[in-house]
N, C-alpha and C. Protein backbone atom coordinates (compact mmCIF):
# COMPACT_ATOMS: atom_id res chain seq x y z
N UNK A 1 18.04 2.49 121.81
CA UNK A 1 16.94 1.82 122.47
C UNK A 1 16.40 2.73 123.56
N UNK A 2 15.09 2.81 123.62
CA UNK A 2 14.43 3.63 124.63
C UNK A 2 13.95 2.75 125.77
N UNK A 3 14.47 3.01 126.96
CA UNK A 3 13.98 2.30 128.15
C UNK A 3 12.78 3.06 128.69
N UNK A 4 11.65 2.42 128.66
CA UNK A 4 10.40 3.06 129.06
C UNK A 4 10.04 2.57 130.46
N UNK A 5 10.53 3.27 131.46
CA UNK A 5 10.43 2.81 132.84
C UNK A 5 9.21 3.34 133.59
N UNK A 6 8.68 4.47 133.18
CA UNK A 6 7.49 5.01 133.85
C UNK A 6 6.25 4.44 133.18
N UNK A 7 5.20 4.23 133.95
CA UNK A 7 3.99 3.67 133.36
C UNK A 7 2.75 4.10 134.12
N UNK A 8 1.63 3.95 133.45
CA UNK A 8 0.34 4.17 134.09
C UNK A 8 -0.66 3.16 133.52
N UNK A 9 -1.62 2.80 134.33
CA UNK A 9 -2.61 1.79 133.96
C UNK A 9 -4.00 2.38 133.93
N UNK A 10 -4.86 1.77 133.15
CA UNK A 10 -6.26 2.16 133.09
C UNK A 10 -7.05 1.01 132.48
N UNK A 11 -8.35 1.11 132.57
CA UNK A 11 -9.25 0.09 132.05
C UNK A 11 -10.07 0.68 130.92
N UNK A 12 -10.23 -0.10 129.86
CA UNK A 12 -11.09 0.28 128.74
C UNK A 12 -12.26 -0.70 128.74
N UNK A 13 -13.46 -0.18 128.63
CA UNK A 13 -14.65 -1.03 128.58
C UNK A 13 -15.31 -0.87 127.21
N UNK A 14 -14.89 -1.71 126.24
CA UNK A 14 -15.44 -1.61 124.89
C UNK A 14 -16.93 -1.94 124.83
N UNK A 15 -17.57 -1.43 123.78
CA UNK A 15 -18.97 -1.76 123.54
C UNK A 15 -19.04 -3.22 123.09
N UNK A 16 -19.89 -4.01 123.74
CA UNK A 16 -20.02 -5.41 123.35
C UNK A 16 -20.84 -5.56 122.07
N UNK A 17 -20.68 -6.67 121.38
CA UNK A 17 -19.71 -7.72 121.66
C UNK A 17 -18.31 -7.27 121.26
N UNK A 18 -17.31 -7.71 122.02
CA UNK A 18 -15.92 -7.32 121.76
C UNK A 18 -15.03 -8.51 122.07
N UNK A 19 -14.45 -9.09 121.03
CA UNK A 19 -13.52 -10.20 121.21
C UNK A 19 -12.11 -9.63 121.18
N UNK A 20 -11.45 -9.63 122.33
CA UNK A 20 -10.12 -9.04 122.45
C UNK A 20 -9.13 -9.67 121.47
N UNK A 21 -9.03 -10.99 121.47
CA UNK A 21 -8.04 -11.66 120.62
C UNK A 21 -8.29 -11.37 119.14
N UNK A 22 -9.53 -11.52 118.68
CA UNK A 22 -9.82 -11.27 117.26
C UNK A 22 -9.57 -9.81 116.88
N UNK A 23 -9.71 -8.91 117.82
CA UNK A 23 -9.53 -7.50 117.54
C UNK A 23 -8.06 -7.10 117.48
N UNK A 24 -7.26 -7.53 118.44
CA UNK A 24 -5.86 -7.08 118.48
C UNK A 24 -4.92 -7.99 117.70
N UNK A 25 -5.34 -9.20 117.41
CA UNK A 25 -4.52 -10.14 116.64
C UNK A 25 -5.39 -10.70 115.52
N UNK A 26 -5.49 -9.97 114.45
CA UNK A 26 -6.40 -10.30 113.35
C UNK A 26 -6.10 -11.70 112.79
N UNK A 27 -7.15 -12.46 112.46
CA UNK A 27 -6.96 -13.81 111.91
C UNK A 27 -6.10 -13.84 110.65
N UNK A 28 -6.10 -12.77 109.86
CA UNK A 28 -5.30 -12.72 108.65
C UNK A 28 -3.83 -12.44 108.94
N UNK A 29 -3.49 -12.20 110.21
CA UNK A 29 -2.10 -12.00 110.59
C UNK A 29 -1.66 -10.56 110.75
N UNK A 30 -2.55 -9.61 110.51
CA UNK A 30 -2.17 -8.20 110.66
C UNK A 30 -1.98 -7.85 112.12
N UNK A 31 -0.96 -7.08 112.38
CA UNK A 31 -0.66 -6.66 113.75
C UNK A 31 -1.43 -5.38 114.08
N UNK A 32 -1.50 -5.07 115.36
CA UNK A 32 -2.18 -3.85 115.79
C UNK A 32 -1.33 -2.62 115.44
N UNK A 33 -0.05 -2.61 115.85
CA UNK A 33 0.81 -1.47 115.59
C UNK A 33 2.08 -1.81 114.82
N UNK A 34 2.69 -2.94 115.10
CA UNK A 34 3.96 -3.29 114.48
C UNK A 34 4.07 -4.80 114.35
N UNK A 35 4.67 -5.29 113.28
CA UNK A 35 4.81 -6.74 113.14
C UNK A 35 5.73 -7.37 114.19
N UNK A 36 6.39 -6.56 114.98
CA UNK A 36 7.30 -7.08 116.00
C UNK A 36 6.64 -7.25 117.36
N UNK A 37 5.35 -6.96 117.44
CA UNK A 37 4.69 -7.10 118.74
C UNK A 37 4.59 -8.57 119.15
N UNK A 38 4.39 -8.78 120.43
CA UNK A 38 4.32 -10.13 121.01
C UNK A 38 2.90 -10.34 121.52
N UNK A 39 2.30 -11.48 121.12
CA UNK A 39 0.97 -11.81 121.62
C UNK A 39 1.00 -13.21 122.22
N UNK A 40 0.62 -13.30 123.47
CA UNK A 40 0.50 -14.59 124.16
C UNK A 40 -0.67 -14.48 125.14
N UNK A 41 -1.86 -14.17 124.59
CA UNK A 41 -3.01 -13.89 125.44
C UNK A 41 -3.00 -12.45 125.91
N UNK A 42 -1.83 -11.92 126.15
CA UNK A 42 -1.57 -10.51 126.43
C UNK A 42 -0.80 -9.99 125.24
N UNK A 43 -1.03 -8.72 124.89
CA UNK A 43 -0.33 -8.12 123.77
C UNK A 43 0.67 -7.09 124.27
N UNK A 44 1.91 -7.21 123.81
CA UNK A 44 2.95 -6.20 124.06
C UNK A 44 3.27 -5.59 122.71
N UNK A 45 3.20 -4.27 122.63
CA UNK A 45 3.46 -3.59 121.38
C UNK A 45 4.05 -2.22 121.66
N UNK A 46 4.42 -1.51 120.62
CA UNK A 46 5.01 -0.17 120.78
C UNK A 46 4.57 0.71 119.62
N UNK A 47 4.35 1.98 119.93
CA UNK A 47 3.95 2.95 118.91
C UNK A 47 4.11 4.35 119.49
N UNK A 48 3.75 5.32 118.71
CA UNK A 48 3.69 6.71 119.18
C UNK A 48 2.22 7.04 119.42
N UNK A 49 1.90 7.49 120.62
CA UNK A 49 0.56 7.94 120.96
C UNK A 49 0.63 9.42 121.29
N UNK A 50 -0.06 10.21 120.52
CA UNK A 50 -0.07 11.66 120.74
C UNK A 50 1.36 12.21 120.77
N UNK A 51 2.21 11.70 119.88
CA UNK A 51 3.58 12.17 119.77
C UNK A 51 4.55 11.61 120.79
N UNK A 52 4.10 10.74 121.67
CA UNK A 52 4.95 10.16 122.71
C UNK A 52 5.23 8.70 122.39
N UNK A 53 6.51 8.33 122.40
CA UNK A 53 6.89 6.94 122.18
C UNK A 53 6.42 6.12 123.38
N UNK A 54 5.68 5.05 123.10
CA UNK A 54 5.06 4.30 124.18
C UNK A 54 5.14 2.79 123.95
N UNK A 55 5.42 2.08 125.02
CA UNK A 55 5.25 0.64 125.05
C UNK A 55 3.87 0.38 125.62
N UNK A 56 3.19 -0.62 125.09
CA UNK A 56 1.81 -0.86 125.51
C UNK A 56 1.64 -2.34 125.84
N UNK A 57 1.01 -2.59 126.97
CA UNK A 57 0.60 -3.95 127.34
C UNK A 57 -0.92 -3.96 127.46
N UNK A 58 -1.55 -4.84 126.71
CA UNK A 58 -3.00 -4.96 126.73
C UNK A 58 -3.39 -6.39 127.07
N UNK A 59 -4.39 -6.53 127.89
CA UNK A 59 -4.91 -7.85 128.22
C UNK A 59 -6.40 -7.76 128.49
N UNK A 60 -7.08 -8.88 128.40
CA UNK A 60 -8.51 -8.91 128.63
C UNK A 60 -8.82 -9.65 129.92
N UNK A 61 -9.69 -9.05 130.74
CA UNK A 61 -10.16 -9.76 131.92
C UNK A 61 -11.68 -9.91 131.87
N UNK A 62 -12.24 -9.60 130.71
CA UNK A 62 -13.67 -9.70 130.54
C UNK A 62 -14.05 -10.83 129.59
N UNK A 63 -15.26 -10.76 129.10
CA UNK A 63 -15.78 -11.73 128.14
C UNK A 63 -16.20 -10.96 126.89
N UNK A 64 -16.59 -11.68 125.87
CA UNK A 64 -17.03 -11.05 124.64
C UNK A 64 -18.25 -10.16 124.90
N UNK A 65 -19.14 -10.59 125.75
CA UNK A 65 -20.36 -9.81 126.01
C UNK A 65 -20.23 -8.85 127.19
N UNK A 66 -19.17 -8.98 127.98
CA UNK A 66 -18.87 -8.04 129.07
C UNK A 66 -17.37 -7.73 129.01
N UNK A 67 -16.96 -7.02 127.95
CA UNK A 67 -15.52 -6.82 127.72
C UNK A 67 -14.86 -5.83 128.68
N UNK A 68 -13.66 -6.20 129.09
CA UNK A 68 -12.81 -5.34 129.91
C UNK A 68 -11.39 -5.51 129.37
N UNK A 69 -10.79 -4.41 128.95
CA UNK A 69 -9.40 -4.43 128.48
C UNK A 69 -8.56 -3.68 129.49
N UNK A 70 -7.55 -4.36 130.01
CA UNK A 70 -6.62 -3.76 130.97
C UNK A 70 -5.42 -3.24 130.19
N UNK A 71 -5.13 -1.97 130.33
CA UNK A 71 -4.04 -1.34 129.58
C UNK A 71 -3.00 -0.76 130.51
N UNK A 72 -1.75 -0.91 130.12
CA UNK A 72 -0.65 -0.24 130.80
C UNK A 72 0.21 0.37 129.70
N UNK A 73 0.45 1.66 129.83
CA UNK A 73 1.29 2.37 128.88
C UNK A 73 2.60 2.72 129.57
N UNK A 74 3.69 2.37 128.91
CA UNK A 74 5.04 2.63 129.42
C UNK A 74 5.63 3.79 128.62
N UNK A 75 6.21 4.76 129.31
CA UNK A 75 6.79 5.93 128.67
C UNK A 75 8.14 6.25 129.31
N UNK A 76 8.85 7.13 128.68
CA UNK A 76 10.13 7.61 129.21
C UNK A 76 9.85 8.93 129.89
N UNK A 77 9.79 8.93 131.21
CA UNK A 77 9.47 10.15 131.95
C UNK A 77 7.98 10.27 132.21
N UNK A 78 7.66 11.16 133.11
CA UNK A 78 6.26 11.37 133.50
C UNK A 78 5.50 12.10 132.39
N UNK A 79 4.20 11.85 132.33
CA UNK A 79 3.35 12.58 131.41
C UNK A 79 2.29 13.35 132.21
N UNK A 80 1.85 14.45 131.65
CA UNK A 80 0.85 15.27 132.33
C UNK A 80 -0.50 14.53 132.34
N UNK A 81 -1.39 14.98 133.19
CA UNK A 81 -2.74 14.39 133.24
C UNK A 81 -3.43 14.54 131.89
N UNK A 82 -3.24 15.68 131.26
CA UNK A 82 -3.86 15.93 129.96
C UNK A 82 -3.31 14.96 128.91
N UNK A 83 -2.01 14.76 128.89
CA UNK A 83 -1.39 13.83 127.94
C UNK A 83 -1.85 12.40 128.25
N UNK A 84 -1.89 12.06 129.52
CA UNK A 84 -2.37 10.75 129.97
C UNK A 84 -3.77 10.50 129.41
N UNK A 85 -4.67 11.46 129.57
CA UNK A 85 -6.06 11.32 129.11
C UNK A 85 -6.12 11.19 127.59
N UNK A 86 -5.30 11.95 126.88
CA UNK A 86 -5.29 11.88 125.42
C UNK A 86 -4.76 10.53 124.94
N UNK A 87 -3.74 10.00 125.59
CA UNK A 87 -3.20 8.70 125.21
C UNK A 87 -4.25 7.60 125.47
N UNK A 88 -4.97 7.70 126.57
CA UNK A 88 -6.05 6.75 126.85
C UNK A 88 -7.11 6.80 125.76
N UNK A 89 -7.52 8.01 125.39
CA UNK A 89 -8.54 8.19 124.36
C UNK A 89 -8.08 7.61 123.02
N UNK A 90 -6.84 7.90 122.65
CA UNK A 90 -6.31 7.40 121.38
C UNK A 90 -6.22 5.87 121.36
N UNK A 91 -5.78 5.29 122.46
CA UNK A 91 -5.67 3.84 122.52
C UNK A 91 -7.06 3.19 122.43
N UNK A 92 -8.03 3.73 123.14
CA UNK A 92 -9.39 3.19 123.08
C UNK A 92 -9.94 3.28 121.66
N UNK A 93 -9.69 4.40 120.98
CA UNK A 93 -10.13 4.55 119.59
C UNK A 93 -9.41 3.54 118.70
N UNK A 94 -8.11 3.41 118.90
CA UNK A 94 -7.31 2.51 118.07
C UNK A 94 -7.81 1.08 118.14
N UNK A 95 -8.23 0.62 119.31
CA UNK A 95 -8.69 -0.76 119.44
C UNK A 95 -10.19 -0.90 119.18
N UNK A 96 -10.82 0.15 118.67
CA UNK A 96 -12.23 0.08 118.29
C UNK A 96 -13.21 -0.06 119.43
N UNK A 97 -12.84 0.43 120.60
CA UNK A 97 -13.66 0.22 121.80
C UNK A 97 -15.03 0.89 121.73
N UNK A 98 -15.16 1.99 120.99
CA UNK A 98 -16.42 2.72 120.94
C UNK A 98 -17.32 2.32 119.77
N UNK A 99 -16.89 1.36 118.96
CA UNK A 99 -17.69 0.97 117.80
C UNK A 99 -18.94 0.21 118.23
N UNK A 100 -20.06 0.64 117.69
CA UNK A 100 -21.33 -0.05 117.93
C UNK A 100 -21.61 -0.93 116.70
N UNK A 101 -21.49 -2.23 116.87
CA UNK A 101 -21.65 -3.16 115.76
C UNK A 101 -23.07 -3.72 115.65
N UNK A 102 -23.99 -3.24 116.46
CA UNK A 102 -25.34 -3.82 116.48
C UNK A 102 -26.03 -3.72 115.13
N UNK A 103 -25.87 -2.63 114.41
CA UNK A 103 -26.46 -2.49 113.08
C UNK A 103 -25.92 -3.51 112.10
N UNK A 104 -24.60 -3.73 112.15
CA UNK A 104 -24.01 -4.74 111.27
C UNK A 104 -24.56 -6.12 111.59
N UNK A 105 -24.60 -6.49 112.86
CA UNK A 105 -25.08 -7.82 113.22
C UNK A 105 -26.54 -8.01 112.85
N UNK A 106 -27.34 -6.98 113.01
CA UNK A 106 -28.74 -7.06 112.65
C UNK A 106 -28.90 -7.35 111.15
N UNK A 107 -28.12 -6.65 110.33
CA UNK A 107 -28.16 -6.85 108.89
C UNK A 107 -27.53 -8.18 108.49
N UNK A 108 -26.39 -8.53 109.09
CA UNK A 108 -25.65 -9.73 108.70
C UNK A 108 -26.42 -11.01 109.00
N UNK A 109 -27.20 -11.02 110.06
CA UNK A 109 -27.98 -12.22 110.41
C UNK A 109 -28.99 -12.58 109.32
N UNK A 110 -29.39 -11.59 108.54
CA UNK A 110 -30.39 -11.80 107.48
C UNK A 110 -29.76 -12.11 106.12
N UNK A 111 -28.44 -12.00 106.02
CA UNK A 111 -27.75 -12.20 104.74
C UNK A 111 -27.17 -13.61 104.68
N UNK A 112 -27.37 -14.29 103.53
CA UNK A 112 -26.93 -15.69 103.38
C UNK A 112 -25.42 -15.85 103.55
N UNK A 113 -24.66 -14.90 103.11
CA UNK A 113 -23.20 -15.01 103.17
C UNK A 113 -22.66 -14.42 104.48
N UNK A 114 -23.09 -13.21 104.81
CA UNK A 114 -22.55 -12.53 105.98
C UNK A 114 -22.90 -13.19 107.30
N UNK A 115 -23.98 -13.96 107.35
CA UNK A 115 -24.35 -14.60 108.62
C UNK A 115 -23.25 -15.54 109.11
N UNK A 116 -22.42 -16.04 108.19
CA UNK A 116 -21.31 -16.93 108.58
C UNK A 116 -20.19 -16.17 109.29
N UNK A 117 -20.06 -14.87 108.99
CA UNK A 117 -19.02 -14.08 109.68
C UNK A 117 -19.35 -13.93 111.16
N UNK A 118 -20.62 -13.96 111.47
CA UNK A 118 -21.01 -13.83 112.88
C UNK A 118 -20.48 -15.02 113.68
N UNK A 119 -20.57 -16.21 113.09
CA UNK A 119 -20.06 -17.40 113.79
C UNK A 119 -18.55 -17.36 113.94
N UNK A 120 -17.85 -16.95 112.88
CA UNK A 120 -16.39 -17.01 112.87
C UNK A 120 -15.71 -15.79 113.51
N UNK A 121 -16.32 -14.64 113.38
CA UNK A 121 -15.63 -13.40 113.78
C UNK A 121 -16.46 -12.56 114.75
N UNK A 122 -17.33 -13.19 115.51
CA UNK A 122 -18.20 -12.48 116.42
C UNK A 122 -17.38 -11.68 117.44
N UNK A 123 -17.64 -10.40 117.49
CA UNK A 123 -16.96 -9.53 118.45
C UNK A 123 -15.69 -8.89 117.94
N UNK A 124 -15.25 -9.20 116.72
CA UNK A 124 -14.05 -8.57 116.18
C UNK A 124 -14.38 -7.13 115.77
N UNK A 125 -13.60 -6.20 116.27
CA UNK A 125 -13.79 -4.79 115.94
C UNK A 125 -12.70 -4.34 114.98
N UNK A 126 -12.99 -3.30 114.25
CA UNK A 126 -12.01 -2.70 113.37
C UNK A 126 -11.02 -1.92 114.24
N UNK A 127 -9.77 -1.93 113.84
CA UNK A 127 -8.75 -1.17 114.57
C UNK A 127 -8.19 -0.09 113.65
N UNK A 128 -7.56 0.89 114.25
CA UNK A 128 -7.06 2.03 113.50
C UNK A 128 -5.60 2.27 113.84
N UNK A 129 -4.87 2.80 112.89
CA UNK A 129 -3.48 3.17 113.12
C UNK A 129 -3.45 4.41 114.02
N UNK A 130 -2.40 4.51 114.81
CA UNK A 130 -2.27 5.69 115.67
C UNK A 130 -1.73 6.89 114.90
N UNK A 131 -1.13 6.65 113.73
CA UNK A 131 -0.67 7.74 112.86
C UNK A 131 -0.93 7.35 111.41
N UNK A 132 -1.05 8.32 110.55
CA UNK A 132 -1.27 8.04 109.14
C UNK A 132 0.04 7.65 108.46
N UNK A 133 1.17 8.02 109.05
CA UNK A 133 2.46 7.76 108.42
C UNK A 133 2.69 6.27 108.19
N UNK A 134 2.46 5.44 109.20
CA UNK A 134 2.70 4.00 109.02
C UNK A 134 1.75 3.41 107.97
N UNK A 135 0.53 3.90 107.89
CA UNK A 135 -0.40 3.43 106.86
C UNK A 135 0.09 3.83 105.46
N UNK A 136 0.59 5.05 105.32
CA UNK A 136 1.09 5.51 104.02
C UNK A 136 2.31 4.70 103.58
N UNK A 137 3.23 4.45 104.49
CA UNK A 137 4.42 3.66 104.16
C UNK A 137 4.02 2.23 103.81
N UNK A 138 3.10 1.65 104.57
CA UNK A 138 2.64 0.30 104.29
C UNK A 138 2.00 0.23 102.90
N UNK A 139 1.22 1.24 102.52
CA UNK A 139 0.61 1.26 101.20
C UNK A 139 1.68 1.24 100.11
N UNK A 140 2.77 1.95 100.33
CA UNK A 140 3.87 1.97 99.36
C UNK A 140 4.57 0.60 99.31
N UNK A 141 4.83 0.04 100.49
CA UNK A 141 5.56 -1.23 100.54
C UNK A 141 4.75 -2.41 100.01
N UNK A 142 3.43 -2.28 99.98
CA UNK A 142 2.58 -3.37 99.48
C UNK A 142 2.33 -3.29 97.97
N UNK A 143 2.79 -2.22 97.34
CA UNK A 143 2.52 -2.03 95.92
C UNK A 143 3.34 -2.96 95.03
N UNK A 144 2.66 -3.61 94.13
CA UNK A 144 3.28 -4.37 93.03
C UNK A 144 4.37 -5.34 93.49
N UNK A 145 4.16 -5.95 94.61
CA UNK A 145 5.12 -6.94 95.11
C UNK A 145 4.33 -8.09 95.74
N UNK A 146 4.86 -9.30 95.65
CA UNK A 146 4.20 -10.41 96.34
C UNK A 146 4.18 -10.13 97.85
N UNK A 147 3.22 -10.69 98.54
CA UNK A 147 3.07 -10.45 99.97
C UNK A 147 4.35 -10.79 100.74
N UNK A 148 5.00 -11.87 100.37
CA UNK A 148 6.24 -12.26 101.06
C UNK A 148 7.29 -11.14 100.95
N UNK A 149 7.43 -10.58 99.74
CA UNK A 149 8.42 -9.52 99.55
C UNK A 149 7.99 -8.25 100.29
N UNK A 150 6.70 -7.95 100.28
CA UNK A 150 6.21 -6.79 101.03
C UNK A 150 6.51 -6.94 102.51
N UNK A 151 6.31 -8.13 103.05
CA UNK A 151 6.62 -8.38 104.47
C UNK A 151 8.11 -8.20 104.75
N UNK A 152 8.96 -8.66 103.82
CA UNK A 152 10.41 -8.49 103.98
C UNK A 152 10.78 -7.01 103.98
N UNK A 153 10.18 -6.25 103.05
CA UNK A 153 10.50 -4.81 102.98
C UNK A 153 10.01 -4.09 104.24
N UNK A 154 8.83 -4.45 104.70
CA UNK A 154 8.29 -3.83 105.91
C UNK A 154 9.18 -4.12 107.10
N UNK A 155 9.57 -5.38 107.25
CA UNK A 155 10.44 -5.78 108.36
C UNK A 155 11.78 -5.04 108.29
N UNK A 156 12.36 -4.95 107.11
CA UNK A 156 13.64 -4.26 106.94
C UNK A 156 13.51 -2.77 107.27
N UNK A 157 12.44 -2.16 106.79
CA UNK A 157 12.21 -0.73 107.05
C UNK A 157 12.10 -0.46 108.54
N UNK A 158 11.30 -1.25 109.23
CA UNK A 158 11.11 -1.05 110.67
C UNK A 158 12.39 -1.37 111.44
N UNK A 159 13.07 -2.46 111.08
CA UNK A 159 14.30 -2.86 111.77
C UNK A 159 15.39 -1.80 111.63
N UNK A 160 15.53 -1.24 110.43
CA UNK A 160 16.60 -0.28 110.19
C UNK A 160 16.30 1.13 110.69
N UNK A 161 15.03 1.53 110.74
CA UNK A 161 14.72 2.92 111.04
C UNK A 161 13.76 3.12 112.21
N UNK A 162 13.16 2.06 112.70
CA UNK A 162 12.23 2.18 113.82
C UNK A 162 12.95 2.18 115.15
N UNK A 163 12.34 2.76 116.14
CA UNK A 163 12.91 2.83 117.48
C UNK A 163 12.57 1.56 118.25
N UNK A 164 13.50 1.11 119.06
CA UNK A 164 13.31 -0.08 119.87
C UNK A 164 12.89 0.34 121.28
N UNK A 165 11.75 -0.20 121.71
CA UNK A 165 11.24 0.09 123.05
C UNK A 165 11.56 -1.07 123.96
N UNK A 166 12.07 -0.77 125.15
CA UNK A 166 12.31 -1.80 126.16
C UNK A 166 11.42 -1.47 127.35
N UNK A 167 10.50 -2.40 127.67
CA UNK A 167 9.56 -2.19 128.76
C UNK A 167 9.00 -3.54 129.18
N UNK A 168 8.62 -3.64 130.43
CA UNK A 168 7.93 -4.82 130.94
C UNK A 168 8.67 -6.11 130.56
N UNK A 169 10.00 -6.05 130.61
CA UNK A 169 10.87 -7.19 130.28
C UNK A 169 10.71 -7.67 128.84
N UNK A 170 10.33 -6.77 127.94
CA UNK A 170 10.18 -7.06 126.52
C UNK A 170 10.90 -5.99 125.71
N UNK A 171 11.24 -6.34 124.48
CA UNK A 171 11.80 -5.37 123.53
C UNK A 171 10.95 -5.46 122.26
N UNK A 172 10.39 -4.32 121.87
CA UNK A 172 9.50 -4.25 120.72
C UNK A 172 9.97 -3.11 119.82
N UNK A 173 10.11 -3.38 118.55
CA UNK A 173 10.50 -2.35 117.60
C UNK A 173 9.23 -1.73 117.00
N UNK A 174 9.19 -0.40 116.96
CA UNK A 174 8.02 0.34 116.46
C UNK A 174 8.29 0.89 115.06
N UNK A 175 7.22 1.24 114.37
CA UNK A 175 7.33 1.89 113.07
C UNK A 175 8.14 3.18 113.23
N UNK A 176 8.94 3.51 112.23
CA UNK A 176 9.67 4.79 112.26
C UNK A 176 8.70 5.96 112.17
N UNK A 177 9.16 7.11 112.59
CA UNK A 177 8.38 8.33 112.48
C UNK A 177 8.96 9.18 111.35
N UNK A 178 8.16 10.08 110.78
CA UNK A 178 8.65 10.90 109.65
C UNK A 178 9.95 11.64 109.95
N UNK A 179 10.09 12.18 111.16
CA UNK A 179 11.31 12.92 111.50
C UNK A 179 12.55 12.05 111.33
N UNK A 180 12.47 10.79 111.71
CA UNK A 180 13.60 9.86 111.58
C UNK A 180 13.85 9.53 110.10
N UNK A 181 12.80 9.28 109.36
CA UNK A 181 12.94 8.92 107.94
C UNK A 181 13.54 10.08 107.15
N UNK A 182 13.22 11.31 107.54
CA UNK A 182 13.75 12.50 106.84
C UNK A 182 15.27 12.63 106.99
N UNK A 183 15.85 11.96 107.98
CA UNK A 183 17.31 12.06 108.18
C UNK A 183 18.08 11.05 107.33
N UNK A 184 17.39 10.14 106.67
CA UNK A 184 18.03 9.09 105.87
C UNK A 184 18.56 9.70 104.57
N UNK A 185 19.81 9.40 104.27
CA UNK A 185 20.40 9.87 103.02
C UNK A 185 20.64 8.68 102.10
N UNK A 186 20.56 8.93 100.81
CA UNK A 186 20.79 7.88 99.80
C UNK A 186 22.25 7.46 99.85
N UNK A 187 22.46 6.17 99.66
CA UNK A 187 23.85 5.66 99.71
C UNK A 187 24.26 5.11 98.38
């Protein structure tokens, strides 16, 4: 278990409209980084940002039309200013903060079917994985299996090989990294 005692905070100002809850906790149940994250208005999660294992706390103090996301990143040891800036940039990209959805909304308002998404999902942004590795593993685990079984395999994979982050009085298990998976031997 990694105790992530050092931290730094910053503010992300996404392009509106931006619905924090719909963006970080997708209605279909998909998590931002790991299925073990905790969401209670505030999101606690863990992942690797720019190669650094990090615990992340995200919360919103803005509105959909004037969004403000408050971020705190927890790490083990100090990080350089350059690393700090890169982690901020990656997190903002991951939560879709720079996406301009105005073109989509303009088109969707005129479409008989898509106009309903505006009512239900207004302000939801697309999110991105912080690494391609977790996406590749997820693609494998979702193949030719019922969703329930895929969820069980994903949970088992992360539980057995992912690192546990302890920060902000929470414990969150993150996706494994390739270096860790390469050490696994067949039994």
